[in-house]
Amino acid sequence: MQTLTKYKEIVIPLDSIHLKGNLRIAEESKGIILFSHGSGSSRMSSRNNFVADLLLKNGFSSLLFDLLTEQEDRVYEKRFDIELLTERLIKVTNWIRIDNDLKNFPIGYFGASTGAASALCAAAQLGNTIKAIVSRGGRPDLAMDDLKHINIPTLLLVGSDDVAVIELNKRAKSEIKGICVLQLIDGATHLFVEPGKLEEVAKNTIAWFNKYLKQ
């Protein structure tokens, strides 16, 4: 990889496919956060890019990448193929671990909606390779069989008005063996579109990774 700038568009080779990604590198980086997007979303997600920008300002590098190729994304069912998305996330994580410029960074996951399920499943398989997880409006019910294998600090952020998802996250919290906090963002719905609510997500995410994203 060439000399990194604070923001760089990259292509990640995985077997027979290539995935597009947006890489942000913080000076004296505290670690790198891999984003796992929700169904129908991509590296261009405005909400995830907002969080990634604030992470960068607070010393965290990040990688937002497309878990599916453009052709795969046209197949609606693949957006909900948690097994496939988990496999992709694990492969990209392993790519990070051998890249000369990134391999020494502690790794965290930020999962949104259905993407949180693939982040949780990947963390269950990778063990202490992943240091901490944040889930935003996550669907951990799609990863329920793997939750008992998660033993790393996990923050579940849910809008207080996202009633159905709150219940799903309560169930998930009871299954996760490691440190796990369910935090409600007051007045927020599933996508956190209300004024100031995404800022609260970012603030809590930064605090979580500051506390737990360590070698």
Protein backbone atom coordinates (compact mmCIF):
# COMPACT_ATOMS: atom_id res chain seq x y z
CA MET A 1 0.00 0.00 0.00
CA GLN A 2 1.21 3.50 -0.78
CA THR A 3 1.72 6.21 1.81
CA LEU A 4 -1.60 6.75 3.56
CA THR A 5 -3.42 10.05 3.71
CA LYS A 6 -6.24 10.86 6.09
CA TYR A 7 -8.80 9.69 3.53
CA LYS A 8 -8.26 7.24 0.74
CA GLU A 9 -10.42 5.17 -1.59
CA ILE A 10 -9.08 1.62 -1.79
CA VAL A 11 -9.88 -1.71 -3.42
CA ILE A 12 -9.62 -4.85 -1.28
CA PRO A 13 -8.84 -8.07 -3.17
CA LEU A 14 -10.67 -11.09 -1.78
CA ASP A 15 -10.35 -14.33 -3.70
CA SER A 16 -12.07 -13.74 -7.04
CA ILE A 17 -13.75 -10.44 -6.11
CA HIS A 18 -12.71 -6.91 -5.22
CA LEU A 19 -14.51 -4.77 -2.65
CA LYS A 20 -14.39 -0.98 -2.66
CA GLY A 21 -13.57 0.79 0.57
CA ASN A 22 -13.06 4.20 2.14
CA LEU A 23 -10.08 4.28 4.49
CA ARG A 24 -9.50 7.02 7.04
CA ILE A 25 -6.21 7.08 8.91
CA ALA A 26 -5.78 9.09 12.09
CA GLU A 27 -2.41 10.49 13.09
CA GLU A 28 -1.05 8.40 15.97
CA SER A 29 -4.07 6.17 15.53
CA LYS A 30 -5.60 4.54 18.59
CA GLY A 31 -6.95 1.73 16.45
CA ILE A 32 -9.07 0.99 13.38
CA ILE A 33 -12.84 0.55 13.29
CA LEU A 34 -14.36 -1.66 10.59
CA PHE A 35 -17.93 -0.73 9.67
CA SER A 36 -20.50 -3.38 8.81
CA HIS A 37 -23.44 -1.70 7.11
CA GLY A 38 -27.14 -2.46 7.20
CA SER A 39 -29.08 -3.99 4.32
CA GLY A 40 -29.08 -1.87 1.18
CA SER A 41 -26.37 0.39 2.57
CA SER A 42 -22.74 0.71 1.49
CA ARG A 43 -19.46 2.52 2.14
CA MET A 44 -21.29 5.69 1.04
CA SER A 45 -23.74 5.57 3.98
CA SER A 46 -24.14 9.15 5.16
CA ARG A 47 -24.81 8.07 8.76
CA ASN A 48 -21.80 5.78 9.00
CA ASN A 49 -19.55 8.33 7.30
CA PHE A 50 -20.69 10.92 9.83
CA VAL A 51 -19.64 8.63 12.69
CA ALA A 52 -16.36 7.76 10.92
CA ASP A 53 -15.50 11.46 10.52
CA LEU A 54 -15.97 12.06 14.24
CA LEU A 55 -13.96 8.94 15.06
CA LEU A 56 -11.15 10.32 12.92
CA LYS A 57 -11.19 13.63 14.79
CA ASN A 58 -10.84 11.66 18.01
CA GLY A 59 -7.87 9.58 16.91
CA PHE A 60 -9.49 6.49 15.42
CA SER A 61 -8.88 5.19 11.92
CA SER A 62 -11.72 3.47 10.10
CA LEU A 63 -12.62 1.40 7.08
CA LEU A 64 -16.03 1.59 5.45
CA PHE A 65 -16.32 -0.95 2.67
CA ASP A 66 -18.95 -2.61 0.51
CA LEU A 67 -19.65 -6.09 1.83
CA LEU A 68 -21.20 -6.97 -1.54
CA THR A 69 -20.11 -6.27 -5.09
CA GLU A 70 -22.39 -4.12 -7.24
CA GLN A 71 -23.66 -7.23 -9.01
CA GLU A 72 -24.34 -9.08 -5.75
CA ASP A 73 -26.16 -6.09 -4.29
CA ARG A 74 -28.74 -6.31 -7.08
CA VAL A 75 -29.87 -9.61 -5.58
CA TYR A 76 -32.09 -8.45 -2.72
CA GLU A 77 -31.74 -11.67 -0.69
CA LYS A 78 -27.96 -11.31 -0.47
CA ARG A 79 -28.39 -8.16 1.61
CA PHE A 80 -29.76 -10.38 4.36
CA ASP A 81 -27.32 -13.27 3.91
CA ILE A 82 -25.68 -12.92 7.32
CA GLU A 83 -23.41 -15.90 6.72
CA LEU A 84 -22.01 -14.34 3.53
CA LEU A 85 -21.66 -10.88 5.10
CA THR A 86 -19.89 -12.39 8.11
CA GLU A 87 -17.50 -14.25 5.84
CA ARG A 88 -16.67 -11.03 3.99
CA LEU A 89 -16.11 -9.10 7.21
CA ILE A 90 -13.77 -11.79 8.53
CA LYS A 91 -11.77 -11.81 5.29
CA VAL A 92 -11.41 -8.03 5.31
CA THR A 93 -10.38 -8.19 8.97
CA ASN A 94 -7.69 -10.72 8.09
CA TRP A 95 -6.57 -8.47 5.23
CA ILE A 96 -6.14 -5.63 7.73
CA ARG A 97 -4.10 -7.92 9.98
CA ILE A 98 -1.44 -8.54 7.32
CA ASP A 99 -1.32 -5.10 5.69
CA ASN A 100 2.02 -3.45 6.48
CA ASP A 101 0.45 -0.09 7.37
CA LEU A 102 -2.52 -1.35 9.36
CA LYS A 103 -1.57 -4.65 11.00
CA ASN A 104 -0.51 -3.14 14.32
CA PHE A 105 -3.78 -1.28 14.91
CA PRO A 106 -6.19 -2.70 17.51
CA ILE A 107 -9.42 -3.59 15.65
CA GLY A 108 -12.98 -2.71 16.61
CA TYR A 109 -16.30 -3.26 14.85
CA PHE A 110 -19.17 -0.82 14.32
CA GLY A 111 -22.29 -2.55 13.04
CA ALA A 112 -25.55 -0.89 11.96
CA SER A 113 -28.95 -2.57 11.69
CA THR A 114 -28.52 -5.99 9.99
CA GLY A 115 -24.80 -5.22 9.68
CA ALA A 116 -24.53 -5.50 13.44
CA ALA A 117 -25.47 -9.18 13.11
CA SER A 118 -22.52 -9.88 10.83
CA ALA A 119 -20.23 -7.90 13.15
CA LEU A 120 -21.36 -9.96 16.14
CA CYS A 121 -21.02 -13.24 14.25
CA ALA A 122 -17.54 -12.30 13.03
CA ALA A 123 -16.45 -11.28 16.52
CA ALA A 124 -17.69 -14.59 17.91
CA GLN A 125 -15.50 -16.43 15.41
CA LEU A 126 -12.41 -14.22 15.70
CA GLY A 127 -12.23 -14.10 19.49
CA ASN A 128 -9.82 -11.57 20.96
CA THR A 129 -8.68 -10.45 17.51
CA ILE A 130 -11.51 -7.93 17.87
CA LYS A 131 -11.17 -5.71 20.92
CA ALA A 132 -14.59 -4.03 21.13
CA ILE A 133 -17.92 -3.75 19.29
CA VAL A 134 -20.54 -1.03 18.94
CA SER A 135 -23.96 -1.83 17.49
CA ARG A 136 -26.23 1.00 16.26
CA GLY A 137 -29.88 0.03 15.99
CA GLY A 138 -28.66 -3.52 15.55
CA ARG A 139 -30.49 -6.73 14.76
CA PRO A 140 -28.64 -9.11 17.09
CA ASP A 141 -31.50 -11.59 16.79
CA LEU A 142 -29.98 -12.51 13.43
CA ALA A 143 -26.83 -13.59 15.28
CA MET A 144 -28.46 -15.18 18.31
CA ASP A 145 -26.71 -18.55 18.02
CA ASP A 146 -23.29 -16.87 18.13
CA LEU A 147 -23.86 -14.39 20.95
CA LYS A 148 -22.84 -16.80 23.71
CA HIS A 149 -19.36 -16.95 22.15
CA ILE A 150 -18.78 -13.18 22.42
CA ASN A 151 -16.54 -12.26 25.31
CA ILE A 152 -15.40 -8.76 24.34
CA PRO A 153 -16.84 -5.37 25.36
CA THR A 154 -20.06 -4.79 23.43
CA LEU A 155 -22.14 -1.60 23.36
CA LEU A 156 -25.71 -1.87 22.07
CA LEU A 157 -27.08 1.55 21.09
CA VAL A 158 -30.82 1.68 20.38
CA GLY A 159 -33.26 4.54 19.98
CA SER A 160 -35.73 4.78 22.86
CA ASP A 161 -38.59 4.94 20.34
CA ASP A 162 -37.39 1.84 18.45
CA VAL A 163 -39.49 -0.43 20.63
CA ALA A 164 -39.23 -3.70 18.73
CA VAL A 165 -35.46 -3.45 18.38
CA ILE A 166 -35.08 -2.62 22.09
CA GLU A 167 -36.60 -5.99 22.95
CA LEU A 168 -34.30 -7.79 20.52
CA ASN A 169 -31.28 -6.11 22.10
CA LYS A 170 -32.43 -6.96 25.62
CA ARG A 171 -32.49 -10.61 24.62
CA ALA A 172 -29.04 -10.28 23.04
CA LYS A 173 -27.57 -8.65 26.14
CA SER A 174 -28.65 -11.61 28.24
CA GLU A 175 -26.75 -13.98 25.91
CA ILE A 176 -23.44 -12.11 25.62
CA LYS A 177 -20.93 -13.36 28.19
CA GLY A 178 -18.51 -10.44 28.18
CA ILE A 179 -19.01 -6.82 29.18
CA CYS A 180 -22.21 -5.68 27.49
CA VAL A 181 -24.14 -2.42 27.89
CA LEU A 182 -27.52 -1.64 26.35
CA GLN A 183 -27.88 2.12 26.07
CA LEU A 184 -31.01 3.87 24.86
CA ILE A 185 -30.71 7.15 22.95
CA ASP A 186 -33.62 9.20 24.23
CA GLY A 187 -36.10 10.30 21.57
CA ALA A 188 -34.40 8.45 18.71
CA THR A 189 -36.04 6.11 16.21
CA HIS A 190 -34.37 3.27 14.29
CA LEU A 191 -32.29 5.42 11.91
CA PHE A 192 -31.43 8.15 14.46
CA VAL A 193 -32.61 10.86 12.05
CA GLU A 194 -33.80 13.17 14.83
CA PRO A 195 -31.67 16.30 15.42
CA GLY A 196 -28.59 15.58 17.51
CA LYS A 197 -29.24 11.86 17.91
CA LEU A 198 -26.52 10.66 15.54
CA GLU A 199 -24.10 12.94 17.39
CA GLU A 200 -25.06 11.08 20.57
CA VAL A 201 -24.36 7.78 18.81
CA ALA A 202 -20.91 9.04 17.80
CA LYS A 203 -20.16 10.41 21.26
CA ASN A 204 -21.01 7.11 22.95
CA THR A 205 -19.10 5.16 20.29
CA ILE A 206 -15.97 7.25 20.81
CA ALA A 207 -16.19 6.85 24.59
CA TRP A 208 -16.58 3.07 24.24
CA PHE A 209 -13.59 2.67 21.96
CA ASN A 210 -11.50 5.02 24.09
CA LYS A 211 -12.18 2.73 27.03
CA TYR A 212 -11.89 -0.68 25.42
CA LEU A 213 -10.03 -0.55 22.09
CA LYS A 214 -6.63 -1.65 23.34
CA GLN A 215 -4.00 -4.17 22.32
